[in-house]
Amino acid sequence: MNPWLAYVSGPVVGAFIGWLTNWIAVKMLFHPRREVRVLGFRFCGLIPRRRADLTRRSAEIIEEEMVTREDLRKIVESVNLAPPIFKAVEERVEQFLTDQVDDLPKLVRLFVPRELLHRIKQSFMQEVERVLPRLTEDMMDAISAKANFKQLVVEKLNAVEIEKFESLVNRLARTELRSIELVGGVLGFLIGTFQSLWLWFAR
């Protein structure tokens, strides 16, 4: 056997083993997707095995650190619901009063001037304008109290199929995952090179 082959094979084999080991490690994030038994040992991908815990922890982080109830309140406040609510109520009141007058006998309608309807509507809308800020505040409190981001996120994440999630991760982190495999190959190459140098100087 060519002695040079022994020295060269160390780095090459080391690089291959390092790359292969990290490639398997990356694949085992998602595979096998369902638990399998080999020689009495149970194997399952890290993410499928711990999906429930990862989903719960992700939801807790989102609820506690990313989208809090106070954030929801700020979003609702920034929308400023008062003007569209006021306009919708005004249109509905005006339509209601008009319909009520139209349902009256023709003779009675002669004694109900449009100006009276206008004053009634204005008085009603003034009261609405007065209480609307408190109503919107109560509505925001109710939404904030009922909002359950954690449960919503858990349901959404659980609804995503593991195959689709793996595809998404691969698209988003393809470069990083390949870098992990490459690092394994480089480290294996360096270790193999060190072993070959050790053999060379130990001759």
N, C-alpha and C. Protein backbone atom coordinates (compact mmCIF):
# COMPACT_ATOMS: atom_id res chain seq x y z
N MET A 1 0.85 -1.20 0.00
CA MET A 1 0.00 0.00 0.00
C MET A 1 0.88 1.25 0.00
N ASN A 2 0.56 2.19 -0.86
CA ASN A 2 1.31 3.43 -0.92
C ASN A 2 1.21 4.16 0.41
N PRO A 3 2.38 4.48 1.05
CA PRO A 3 2.32 5.15 2.35
C PRO A 3 1.65 6.51 2.29
N TRP A 4 1.79 7.19 1.13
CA TRP A 4 1.14 8.49 1.01
C TRP A 4 -0.38 8.37 1.07
N LEU A 5 -0.87 7.23 0.57
CA LEU A 5 -2.32 7.02 0.59
C LEU A 5 -2.85 6.99 2.02
N ALA A 6 -2.09 6.43 2.93
CA ALA A 6 -2.51 6.37 4.33
C ALA A 6 -2.59 7.76 4.94
N TYR A 7 -1.63 8.63 4.57
CA TYR A 7 -1.63 9.98 5.11
C TYR A 7 -2.76 10.84 4.51
N VAL A 8 -3.02 10.63 3.23
CA VAL A 8 -4.07 11.41 2.56
C VAL A 8 -5.46 10.95 2.97
N SER A 9 -5.59 9.63 3.17
CA SER A 9 -6.93 9.10 3.48
C SER A 9 -7.46 9.60 4.81
N GLY A 10 -6.55 9.91 5.76
CA GLY A 10 -7.01 10.40 7.06
C GLY A 10 -7.86 11.66 6.95
N PRO A 11 -7.35 12.74 6.33
CA PRO A 11 -8.15 13.95 6.17
C PRO A 11 -9.42 13.73 5.35
N VAL A 12 -9.31 12.91 4.28
CA VAL A 12 -10.47 12.68 3.42
C VAL A 12 -11.57 11.93 4.17
N VAL A 13 -11.18 10.84 4.82
CA VAL A 13 -12.16 10.06 5.58
C VAL A 13 -12.72 10.89 6.74
N GLY A 14 -11.84 11.65 7.41
CA GLY A 14 -12.29 12.50 8.51
C GLY A 14 -13.30 13.53 8.05
N ALA A 15 -13.03 14.16 6.89
CA ALA A 15 -13.96 15.16 6.34
C ALA A 15 -15.30 14.51 6.01
N PHE A 16 -15.26 13.31 5.41
CA PHE A 16 -16.51 12.63 5.05
C PHE A 16 -17.31 12.26 6.29
N ILE A 17 -16.61 11.70 7.29
CA ILE A 17 -17.31 11.29 8.52
C ILE A 17 -17.88 12.51 9.24
N GLY A 18 -17.11 13.61 9.30
CA GLY A 18 -17.60 14.82 9.94
C GLY A 18 -18.81 15.39 9.24
N TRP A 19 -18.76 15.43 7.89
CA TRP A 19 -19.90 15.91 7.13
C TRP A 19 -21.11 14.99 7.31
N LEU A 20 -20.88 13.68 7.22
CA LEU A 20 -21.97 12.72 7.34
C LEU A 20 -22.63 12.79 8.72
N THR A 21 -21.82 12.92 9.76
CA THR A 21 -22.36 12.99 11.12
C THR A 21 -23.27 14.19 11.28
N ASN A 22 -22.82 15.35 10.82
CA ASN A 22 -23.65 16.55 10.94
C ASN A 22 -24.86 16.50 10.02
N TRP A 23 -24.72 15.88 8.85
CA TRP A 23 -25.87 15.72 7.95
C TRP A 23 -26.95 14.89 8.62
N ILE A 24 -26.52 13.79 9.27
CA ILE A 24 -27.48 12.95 9.99
C ILE A 24 -28.12 13.73 11.14
N ALA A 25 -27.31 14.52 11.85
CA ALA A 25 -27.84 15.30 12.97
C ALA A 25 -28.90 16.29 12.50
N VAL A 26 -28.64 16.95 11.37
CA VAL A 26 -29.62 17.89 10.82
C VAL A 26 -30.90 17.16 10.42
N LYS A 27 -30.75 16.01 9.76
CA LYS A 27 -31.92 15.25 9.34
C LYS A 27 -32.73 14.76 10.53
N MET A 28 -32.04 14.44 11.63
CA MET A 28 -32.73 13.91 12.80
C MET A 28 -33.52 14.98 13.56
N LEU A 29 -33.41 16.23 13.13
CA LEU A 29 -34.30 17.25 13.70
C LEU A 29 -35.75 16.91 13.39
N PHE A 30 -36.01 16.36 12.20
CA PHE A 30 -37.38 16.06 11.77
C PHE A 30 -37.64 14.58 11.49
N HIS A 31 -36.58 13.79 11.38
CA HIS A 31 -36.75 12.38 11.00
C HIS A 31 -36.16 11.47 12.07
N PRO A 32 -36.78 10.30 12.26
CA PRO A 32 -38.06 9.90 11.69
C PRO A 32 -39.23 10.69 12.29
N ARG A 33 -40.23 10.93 11.48
CA ARG A 33 -41.36 11.75 11.94
C ARG A 33 -42.22 11.01 12.95
N ARG A 34 -42.22 9.68 12.85
CA ARG A 34 -42.95 8.86 13.82
C ARG A 34 -41.95 7.90 14.49
N GLU A 35 -42.22 7.64 15.73
CA GLU A 35 -41.29 6.83 16.51
C GLU A 35 -41.13 5.45 15.91
N VAL A 36 -39.86 5.02 15.81
CA VAL A 36 -39.55 3.68 15.32
C VAL A 36 -38.67 2.99 16.36
N ARG A 37 -38.71 1.66 16.35
CA ARG A 37 -37.90 0.88 17.29
C ARG A 37 -36.88 0.08 16.50
N VAL A 38 -35.63 0.20 16.94
CA VAL A 38 -34.53 -0.55 16.32
C VAL A 38 -33.72 -1.19 17.44
N LEU A 39 -33.72 -2.54 17.45
CA LEU A 39 -32.97 -3.30 18.46
C LEU A 39 -33.33 -2.86 19.89
N GLY A 40 -34.60 -2.61 20.09
CA GLY A 40 -35.06 -2.24 21.42
C GLY A 40 -34.94 -0.76 21.74
N PHE A 41 -34.27 0.00 20.86
CA PHE A 41 -34.14 1.45 21.08
C PHE A 41 -35.22 2.19 20.30
N ARG A 42 -35.72 3.26 20.92
CA ARG A 42 -36.75 4.06 20.27
C ARG A 42 -36.12 5.30 19.66
N PHE A 43 -36.48 5.60 18.40
CA PHE A 43 -35.95 6.76 17.70
C PHE A 43 -37.10 7.60 17.15
N CYS A 44 -36.94 8.91 17.31
CA CYS A 44 -37.91 9.84 16.74
C CYS A 44 -37.21 11.18 16.57
N GLY A 45 -37.56 11.91 15.52
CA GLY A 45 -36.96 13.22 15.30
C GLY A 45 -37.18 14.14 16.49
N LEU A 46 -36.21 15.02 16.73
CA LEU A 46 -36.28 15.90 17.90
C LEU A 46 -37.55 16.76 17.90
N ILE A 47 -37.84 17.39 16.77
CA ILE A 47 -39.00 18.28 16.73
C ILE A 47 -40.32 17.50 16.79
N PRO A 48 -40.50 16.40 16.02
CA PRO A 48 -41.74 15.64 16.20
C PRO A 48 -41.93 15.10 17.61
N ARG A 49 -40.83 14.67 18.25
CA ARG A 49 -40.93 14.10 19.60
C ARG A 49 -41.32 15.15 20.63
N ARG A 50 -40.80 16.35 20.47
CA ARG A 50 -41.05 17.40 21.46
C ARG A 50 -41.98 18.49 20.92
N ARG A 51 -42.78 18.15 19.92
CA ARG A 51 -43.61 19.16 19.29
C ARG A 51 -44.56 19.82 20.27
N ALA A 52 -45.21 19.03 21.10
CA ALA A 52 -46.19 19.60 22.05
C ALA A 52 -45.52 20.59 22.99
N ASP A 53 -44.35 20.21 23.51
CA ASP A 53 -43.64 21.10 24.44
C ASP A 53 -43.12 22.34 23.72
N LEU A 54 -42.57 22.16 22.51
CA LEU A 54 -42.07 23.30 21.75
C LEU A 54 -43.20 24.26 21.39
N THR A 55 -44.34 23.71 21.02
CA THR A 55 -45.49 24.54 20.68
C THR A 55 -45.95 25.34 21.89
N ARG A 56 -46.05 24.67 23.03
CA ARG A 56 -46.49 25.36 24.25
C ARG A 56 -45.51 26.46 24.65
N ARG A 57 -44.22 26.16 24.62
CA ARG A 57 -43.23 27.15 25.01
C ARG A 57 -43.20 28.32 24.03
N SER A 58 -43.34 28.03 22.74
CA SER A 58 -43.37 29.10 21.74
C SER A 58 -44.56 30.02 21.98
N ALA A 59 -45.71 29.43 22.28
CA ALA A 59 -46.91 30.23 22.55
C ALA A 59 -46.72 31.09 23.79
N GLU A 60 -46.10 30.53 24.82
CA GLU A 60 -45.87 31.30 26.05
C GLU A 60 -44.94 32.48 25.79
N ILE A 61 -43.90 32.26 25.00
CA ILE A 61 -42.95 33.33 24.69
C ILE A 61 -43.64 34.44 23.90
N ILE A 62 -44.46 34.04 22.91
CA ILE A 62 -45.17 35.03 22.10
C ILE A 62 -46.13 35.85 22.96
N GLU A 63 -46.86 35.16 23.85
CA GLU A 63 -47.83 35.85 24.69
C GLU A 63 -47.15 36.75 25.72
N GLU A 64 -46.04 36.29 26.29
CA GLU A 64 -45.41 37.04 27.38
C GLU A 64 -44.43 38.10 26.89
N GLU A 65 -43.78 37.84 25.75
CA GLU A 65 -42.71 38.73 25.33
C GLU A 65 -42.99 39.48 24.03
N MET A 66 -43.80 38.91 23.15
CA MET A 66 -43.92 39.49 21.82
C MET A 66 -45.25 40.21 21.60
N VAL A 67 -46.37 39.56 21.90
CA VAL A 67 -47.68 40.17 21.73
C VAL A 67 -48.43 40.07 23.05
N THR A 68 -48.32 41.11 23.85
CA THR A 68 -48.95 41.13 25.16
C THR A 68 -50.34 41.74 25.06
N ARG A 69 -51.08 41.64 26.15
CA ARG A 69 -52.40 42.26 26.19
C ARG A 69 -52.31 43.78 26.04
N GLU A 70 -51.24 44.34 26.58
CA GLU A 70 -51.05 45.79 26.44
C GLU A 70 -50.81 46.16 24.98
N ASP A 71 -50.11 45.28 24.25
CA ASP A 71 -49.90 45.52 22.82
C ASP A 71 -51.24 45.52 22.09
N LEU A 72 -52.12 44.59 22.45
CA LEU A 72 -53.44 44.53 21.83
C LEU A 72 -54.21 45.81 22.11
N ARG A 73 -54.16 46.29 23.34
CA ARG A 73 -54.85 47.53 23.69
C ARG A 73 -54.34 48.69 22.83
N LYS A 74 -53.03 48.76 22.65
CA LYS A 74 -52.45 49.85 21.85
C LYS A 74 -52.90 49.75 20.40
N ILE A 75 -52.99 48.51 19.89
CA ILE A 75 -53.44 48.33 18.50
C ILE A 75 -54.88 48.80 18.34
N VAL A 76 -55.73 48.39 19.27
CA VAL A 76 -57.14 48.79 19.20
C VAL A 76 -57.27 50.30 19.33
N GLU A 77 -56.51 50.88 20.25
CA GLU A 77 -56.57 52.33 20.44
C GLU A 77 -56.08 53.07 19.20
N SER A 78 -55.07 52.53 18.52
CA SER A 78 -54.54 53.20 17.34
C SER A 78 -55.54 53.19 16.19
N VAL A 79 -56.43 52.19 16.17
CA VAL A 79 -57.43 52.12 15.11
C VAL A 79 -58.45 53.23 15.25
N ASN A 80 -58.73 53.68 16.50
CA ASN A 80 -59.71 54.73 16.79
C ASN A 80 -61.09 54.34 16.25
N LEU A 81 -61.74 53.45 16.96
CA LEU A 81 -63.02 52.92 16.52
C LEU A 81 -64.18 53.90 16.70
N ALA A 82 -63.98 54.95 17.50
CA ALA A 82 -65.08 55.85 17.82
C ALA A 82 -65.75 56.47 16.58
N PRO A 83 -64.99 57.08 15.63
CA PRO A 83 -65.64 57.71 14.47
C PRO A 83 -66.50 56.77 13.63
N PRO A 84 -65.99 55.57 13.24
CA PRO A 84 -66.86 54.69 12.45
C PRO A 84 -68.07 54.19 13.23
N ILE A 85 -67.89 53.97 14.55
CA ILE A 85 -69.03 53.54 15.36
C ILE A 85 -70.08 54.65 15.42
N PHE A 86 -69.61 55.88 15.65
CA PHE A 86 -70.53 57.03 15.71
C PHE A 86 -71.29 57.19 14.40
N LYS A 87 -70.58 57.08 13.29
CA LYS A 87 -71.22 57.25 11.98
C LYS A 87 -72.25 56.15 11.74
N ALA A 88 -71.91 54.90 12.10
CA ALA A 88 -72.84 53.78 11.89
C ALA A 88 -74.09 53.96 12.74
N VAL A 89 -73.91 54.38 14.00
CA VAL A 89 -75.07 54.61 14.88
C VAL A 89 -75.93 55.75 14.35
N GLU A 90 -75.30 56.80 13.89
CA GLU A 90 -76.05 57.95 13.37
C GLU A 90 -76.90 57.55 12.18
N GLU A 91 -76.30 56.79 11.25
CA GLU A 91 -77.06 56.35 10.08
C GLU A 91 -78.21 55.44 10.48
N ARG A 92 -77.96 54.57 11.45
CA ARG A 92 -79.03 53.64 11.88
C ARG A 92 -80.16 54.38 12.58
N VAL A 93 -79.82 55.37 13.41
CA VAL A 93 -80.86 56.15 14.11
C VAL A 93 -81.70 56.94 13.12
N GLU A 94 -81.03 57.56 12.17
CA GLU A 94 -81.76 58.33 11.16
C GLU A 94 -82.70 57.44 10.36
N GLN A 95 -82.22 56.25 9.98
CA GLN A 95 -83.07 55.32 9.24
C GLN A 95 -84.25 54.84 10.10
N PHE A 96 -83.97 54.58 11.37
CA PHE A 96 -85.01 54.12 12.30
C PHE A 96 -86.11 55.17 12.45
N LEU A 97 -85.72 56.42 12.66
CA LEU A 97 -86.72 57.48 12.83
C LEU A 97 -87.54 57.66 11.56
N THR A 98 -86.86 57.61 10.42
CA THR A 98 -87.57 57.75 9.14
C THR A 98 -88.57 56.63 8.93
N ASP A 99 -88.17 55.41 9.25
CA ASP A 99 -89.07 54.26 9.09
C ASP A 99 -90.27 54.37 10.03
N GLN A 100 -90.02 54.82 11.26
CA GLN A 100 -91.11 54.95 12.21
C GLN A 100 -92.14 55.98 11.75
N VAL A 101 -91.64 57.10 11.22
CA VAL A 101 -92.56 58.13 10.73
C VAL A 101 -93.32 57.65 9.50
N ASP A 102 -92.63 56.94 8.62
CA ASP A 102 -93.28 56.44 7.40
C ASP A 102 -94.37 55.43 7.72
N ASP A 103 -94.28 54.76 8.86
CA ASP A 103 -95.29 53.77 9.24
C ASP A 103 -96.53 54.41 9.84
N LEU A 104 -96.45 55.69 10.15
CA LEU A 104 -97.60 56.39 10.73
C LEU A 104 -98.64 56.67 9.65
N PRO A 105 -99.89 56.82 10.07
CA PRO A 105 -100.92 57.22 9.08
C PRO A 105 -100.55 58.55 8.42
N LYS A 106 -100.98 58.71 7.21
CA LYS A 106 -100.61 59.90 6.45
C LYS A 106 -101.03 61.18 7.16
N LEU A 107 -102.18 61.17 7.78
CA LEU A 107 -102.67 62.36 8.46
C LEU A 107 -101.78 62.71 9.65
N VAL A 108 -101.32 61.70 10.36
CA VAL A 108 -100.47 61.93 11.53
C VAL A 108 -99.10 62.46 11.09
N ARG A 109 -98.61 61.96 9.95
CA ARG A 109 -97.30 62.40 9.47
C ARG A 109 -97.26 63.90 9.21
N LEU A 110 -98.41 64.48 8.92
CA LEU A 110 -98.46 65.92 8.66
C LEU A 110 -98.10 66.73 9.90
N PHE A 111 -98.27 66.13 11.06
CA PHE A 111 -97.99 66.84 12.32
C PHE A 111 -96.60 66.48 12.89
N VAL A 112 -95.82 65.76 12.12
CA VAL A 112 -94.46 65.40 12.56
C VAL A 112 -93.46 66.04 11.58
N PRO A 113 -93.04 67.23 11.85
CA PRO A 113 -92.11 67.91 10.94
C PRO A 113 -90.73 67.27 10.94
N ARG A 114 -90.07 67.39 9.81
CA ARG A 114 -88.73 66.82 9.68
C ARG A 114 -87.76 67.46 10.67
N GLU A 115 -88.01 68.73 10.98
CA GLU A 115 -87.14 69.40 11.93
C GLU A 115 -87.18 68.73 13.30
N LEU A 116 -88.34 68.23 13.68
CA LEU A 116 -88.47 67.52 14.96
C LEU A 116 -87.63 66.25 14.94
N LEU A 117 -87.69 65.52 13.84
CA LEU A 117 -86.89 64.31 13.72
C LEU A 117 -85.39 64.63 13.81
N HIS A 118 -85.02 65.74 13.20
CA HIS A 118 -83.61 66.13 13.23
C HIS A 118 -83.16 66.44 14.66
N ARG A 119 -84.02 67.15 15.42
CA ARG A 119 -83.66 67.49 16.79
C ARG A 119 -83.58 66.25 17.67
N ILE A 120 -84.50 65.31 17.43
CA ILE A 120 -84.47 64.05 18.19
C ILE A 120 -83.17 63.30 17.92
N LYS A 121 -82.82 63.25 16.63
CA LYS A 121 -81.58 62.56 16.28
C LYS A 121 -80.37 63.25 16.88
N GLN A 122 -80.33 64.56 16.83
CA GLN A 122 -79.21 65.30 17.38
C GLN A 122 -79.07 65.08 18.88
N SER A 123 -80.21 65.08 19.58
CA SER A 123 -80.17 64.86 21.03
C SER A 123 -79.64 63.46 21.34
N PHE A 124 -80.11 62.49 20.57
CA PHE A 124 -79.67 61.11 20.78
C PHE A 124 -78.17 60.97 20.50
N MET A 125 -77.70 61.59 19.40
CA MET A 125 -76.30 61.46 19.02
C MET A 125 -75.39 62.20 19.99
N GLN A 126 -75.87 63.27 20.59
CA GLN A 126 -75.08 63.95 21.61
C GLN A 126 -74.83 63.03 22.81
N GLU A 127 -75.86 62.26 23.16
CA GLU A 127 -75.71 61.32 24.27
C GLU A 127 -74.75 60.19 23.88
N VAL A 128 -74.87 59.73 22.64
CA VAL A 128 -73.95 58.70 22.15
C VAL A 128 -72.52 59.20 22.17
N GLU A 129 -72.31 60.42 21.72
CA GLU A 129 -70.97 61.00 21.71
C GLU A 129 -70.39 61.11 23.11
N ARG A 130 -71.28 61.35 24.08
CA ARG A 130 -70.83 61.48 25.47
C ARG A 130 -70.39 60.15 26.06
N VAL A 131 -71.14 59.09 25.76
CA VAL A 131 -70.84 57.80 26.38
C VAL A 131 -69.93 56.92 25.53
N LEU A 132 -69.69 57.31 24.26
CA LEU A 132 -68.91 56.45 23.36
C LEU A 132 -67.49 56.19 23.86
N PRO A 133 -66.77 57.20 24.37
CA PRO A 133 -65.41 56.89 24.88
C PRO A 133 -65.41 55.83 25.96
N ARG A 134 -66.38 55.88 26.87
CA ARG A 134 -66.44 54.88 27.92
C ARG A 134 -66.80 53.51 27.34
N LEU A 135 -67.68 53.49 26.34
CA LEU A 135 -68.06 52.22 25.72
C LEU A 135 -66.87 51.58 25.00
N THR A 136 -66.10 52.39 24.27
CA THR A 136 -64.94 51.84 23.57
C THR A 136 -63.89 51.35 24.57
N GLU A 137 -63.76 52.06 25.68
CA GLU A 137 -62.82 51.63 26.72
C GLU A 137 -63.25 50.28 27.30
N ASP A 138 -64.55 50.16 27.57
CA ASP A 138 -65.07 48.89 28.08
C ASP A 138 -64.87 47.77 27.07
N MET A 139 -65.04 48.10 25.79
CA MET A 139 -64.88 47.10 24.74
C MET A 139 -63.43 46.63 24.67
N MET A 140 -62.48 47.56 24.78
CA MET A 140 -61.07 47.20 24.76
C MET A 140 -60.71 46.34 25.97
N ASP A 141 -61.29 46.67 27.13
CA ASP A 141 -61.05 45.86 28.32
C ASP A 141 -61.56 44.44 28.12
N ALA A 142 -62.75 44.33 27.50
CA ALA A 142 -63.34 43.01 27.28
C ALA A 142 -62.51 42.19 26.30
N ILE A 143 -62.05 42.85 25.22
CA ILE A 143 -61.22 42.15 24.24
C ILE A 143 -59.91 41.71 24.87
N SER A 144 -59.30 42.60 25.64
CA SER A 144 -58.03 42.28 26.28
C SER A 144 -58.18 41.13 27.27
N ALA A 145 -59.31 41.12 27.99
CA ALA A 145 -59.53 40.07 28.99
C ALA A 145 -59.80 38.72 28.33
N LYS A 146 -60.49 38.75 27.19
CA LYS A 146 -60.86 37.50 26.52
C LYS A 146 -59.78 36.97 25.60
N ALA A 147 -58.88 37.85 25.15
CA ALA A 147 -57.86 37.42 24.20
C ALA A 147 -56.94 36.37 24.84
N ASN A 148 -56.81 35.26 24.18
CA ASN A 148 -55.95 34.18 24.67
C ASN A 148 -54.95 33.84 23.57
N PHE A 149 -53.86 34.63 23.50
CA PHE A 149 -52.88 34.44 22.45
C PHE A 149 -52.24 33.06 22.54
N LYS A 150 -51.99 32.62 23.75
CA LYS A 150 -51.32 31.35 23.93
C LYS A 150 -52.12 30.23 23.27
N GLN A 151 -53.40 30.16 23.58
CA GLN A 151 -54.24 29.11 23.01
C GLN A 151 -54.34 29.24 21.50
N LEU A 152 -54.44 30.49 21.02
CA LEU A 152 -54.55 30.72 19.58
C LEU A 152 -53.29 30.24 18.85
N VAL A 153 -52.12 30.59 19.41
CA VAL A 153 -50.86 30.19 18.78
C VAL A 153 -50.70 28.67 18.82
N VAL A 154 -51.05 28.05 19.96
CA VAL A 154 -50.97 26.60 20.07
C VAL A 154 -51.82 25.94 19.01
N GLU A 155 -53.04 26.41 18.83
CA GLU A 155 -53.93 25.82 17.83
C GLU A 155 -53.38 26.00 16.41
N LYS A 156 -52.84 27.19 16.13
CA LYS A 156 -52.30 27.45 14.80
C LYS A 156 -51.08 26.58 14.52
N LEU A 157 -50.18 26.47 15.50
CA LEU A 157 -48.97 25.66 15.30
C LEU A 157 -49.31 24.17 15.18
N ASN A 158 -50.25 23.72 15.98
CA ASN A 158 -50.64 22.30 15.91
C ASN A 158 -51.32 21.97 14.59
N ALA A 159 -51.92 22.99 13.96
CA ALA A 159 -52.61 22.76 12.69
C ALA A 159 -51.64 22.62 11.53
N VAL A 160 -50.39 23.07 11.73
CA VAL A 160 -49.39 22.98 10.66
C VAL A 160 -48.82 21.57 10.62
N GLU A 161 -48.89 20.92 9.47
CA GLU A 161 -48.35 19.57 9.32
C GLU A 161 -46.84 19.61 9.45
N ILE A 162 -46.28 18.57 10.06
CA ILE A 162 -44.85 18.54 10.32
C ILE A 162 -44.05 18.60 9.01
N GLU A 163 -44.59 18.02 7.93
CA GLU A 163 -43.91 18.07 6.64
C GLU A 163 -43.82 19.51 6.13
N LYS A 164 -44.91 20.26 6.30
CA LYS A 164 -44.93 21.65 5.85
C LYS A 164 -43.99 22.49 6.71
N PHE A 165 -43.95 22.20 8.01
CA PHE A 165 -43.07 22.94 8.91
C PHE A 165 -41.61 22.68 8.56
N GLU A 166 -41.28 21.41 8.24
CA GLU A 166 -39.92 21.08 7.85
C GLU A 166 -39.53 21.80 6.57
N SER A 167 -40.46 21.84 5.62
CA SER A 167 -40.19 22.55 4.36
C SER A 167 -39.94 24.03 4.61
N LEU A 168 -40.73 24.60 5.52
CA LEU A 168 -40.56 26.02 5.84
C LEU A 168 -39.20 26.29 6.48
N VAL A 169 -38.82 25.44 7.43
CA VAL A 169 -37.52 25.59 8.09
C VAL A 169 -36.38 25.45 7.08
N ASN A 170 -36.50 24.50 6.17
CA ASN A 170 -35.45 24.29 5.17
C ASN A 170 -35.32 25.49 4.24
N ARG A 171 -36.46 26.11 3.91
CA ARG A 171 -36.40 27.29 3.04
C ARG A 171 -35.78 28.48 3.77
N LEU A 172 -36.13 28.64 5.04
CA LEU A 172 -35.65 29.80 5.78
C LEU A 172 -34.20 29.65 6.23
N ALA A 173 -33.79 28.42 6.55
CA ALA A 173 -32.46 28.21 7.14
C ALA A 173 -31.61 27.27 6.30
N ARG A 174 -31.84 27.23 5.00
CA ARG A 174 -31.08 26.31 4.15
C ARG A 174 -29.58 26.58 4.26
N THR A 175 -29.20 27.85 4.18
CA THR A 175 -27.78 28.21 4.24
C THR A 175 -27.16 27.82 5.57
N GLU A 176 -27.87 28.09 6.67
CA GLU A 176 -27.35 27.78 8.00
C GLU A 176 -27.21 26.28 8.20
N LEU A 177 -28.20 25.50 7.72
CA LEU A 177 -28.13 24.05 7.88
C LEU A 177 -26.98 23.46 7.07
N ARG A 178 -26.78 24.00 5.87
CA ARG A 178 -25.66 23.52 5.07
C ARG A 178 -24.33 23.92 5.70
N SER A 179 -24.31 25.07 6.35
CA SER A 179 -23.09 25.49 7.04
C SER A 179 -22.75 24.53 8.16
N ILE A 180 -23.78 24.03 8.86
CA ILE A 180 -23.54 23.05 9.92
C ILE A 180 -22.90 21.79 9.35
N GLU A 181 -23.42 21.33 8.21
CA GLU A 181 -22.84 20.15 7.57
C GLU A 181 -21.40 20.44 7.14
N LEU A 182 -21.16 21.63 6.59
CA LEU A 182 -19.82 21.99 6.12
C LEU A 182 -18.84 22.07 7.29
N VAL A 183 -19.29 22.64 8.40
CA VAL A 183 -18.43 22.73 9.58
C VAL A 183 -18.01 21.33 10.04
N GLY A 184 -18.95 20.38 10.00
CA GLY A 184 -18.61 19.00 10.36
C GLY A 184 -17.53 18.45 9.46
N GLY A 185 -17.65 18.73 8.15
CA GLY A 185 -16.63 18.25 7.21
C GLY A 185 -15.29 18.89 7.45
N VAL A 186 -15.27 20.21 7.73
CA VAL A 186 -14.02 20.91 7.98
C VAL A 186 -13.34 20.39 9.24
N LEU A 187 -14.15 20.23 10.31
CA LEU A 187 -13.58 19.71 11.56
C LEU A 187 -13.03 18.30 11.37
N GLY A 188 -13.79 17.47 10.65
CA GLY A 188 -13.31 16.12 10.37
C GLY A 188 -12.01 16.13 9.57
N PHE A 189 -11.94 17.04 8.60
CA PHE A 189 -10.72 17.16 7.80
C PHE A 189 -9.53 17.57 8.67
N LEU A 190 -9.75 18.54 9.58
CA LEU A 190 -8.67 19.01 10.45
C LEU A 190 -8.21 17.90 11.39
N ILE A 191 -9.17 17.15 11.93
CA ILE A 191 -8.82 16.05 12.83
C ILE A 191 -8.03 14.98 12.07
N GLY A 192 -8.51 14.66 10.84
CA GLY A 192 -7.79 13.68 10.03
C GLY A 192 -6.40 14.15 9.67
N THR A 193 -6.29 15.44 9.37
CA THR A 193 -4.97 16.00 9.06
C THR A 193 -4.04 15.91 10.26
N PHE A 194 -4.56 16.23 11.44
CA PHE A 194 -3.76 16.14 12.67
C PHE A 194 -3.29 14.71 12.89
N GLN A 195 -4.18 13.74 12.67
CA GLN A 195 -3.81 12.33 12.84
C GLN A 195 -2.72 11.91 11.85
N SER A 196 -2.86 12.39 10.60
CA SER A 196 -1.85 12.04 9.59
C SER A 196 -0.50 12.65 9.94
N LEU A 197 -0.51 13.89 10.41
CA LEU A 197 0.75 14.53 10.81
C LEU A 197 1.36 13.80 12.00
N TRP A 198 0.50 13.37 12.92
CA TRP A 198 1.00 12.62 14.08
C TRP A 198 1.68 11.33 13.63
N LEU A 199 1.04 10.63 12.70
CA LEU A 199 1.65 9.40 12.17
C LEU A 199 2.95 9.70 11.44
N TRP A 200 2.98 10.80 10.73
CA TRP A 200 4.17 11.14 9.95
C TRP A 200 5.37 11.39 10.88
N PHE A 201 5.12 12.19 11.92
CA PHE A 201 6.23 12.53 12.82
C PHE A 201 6.56 11.37 13.78
N ALA A 202 5.62 10.44 13.93
CA ALA A 202 5.87 9.32 14.84
C ALA A 202 6.58 8.16 14.15
N ARG A 203 6.87 8.32 12.87
CA ARG A 203 7.52 7.22 12.15
C ARG A 203 8.91 6.92 12.73
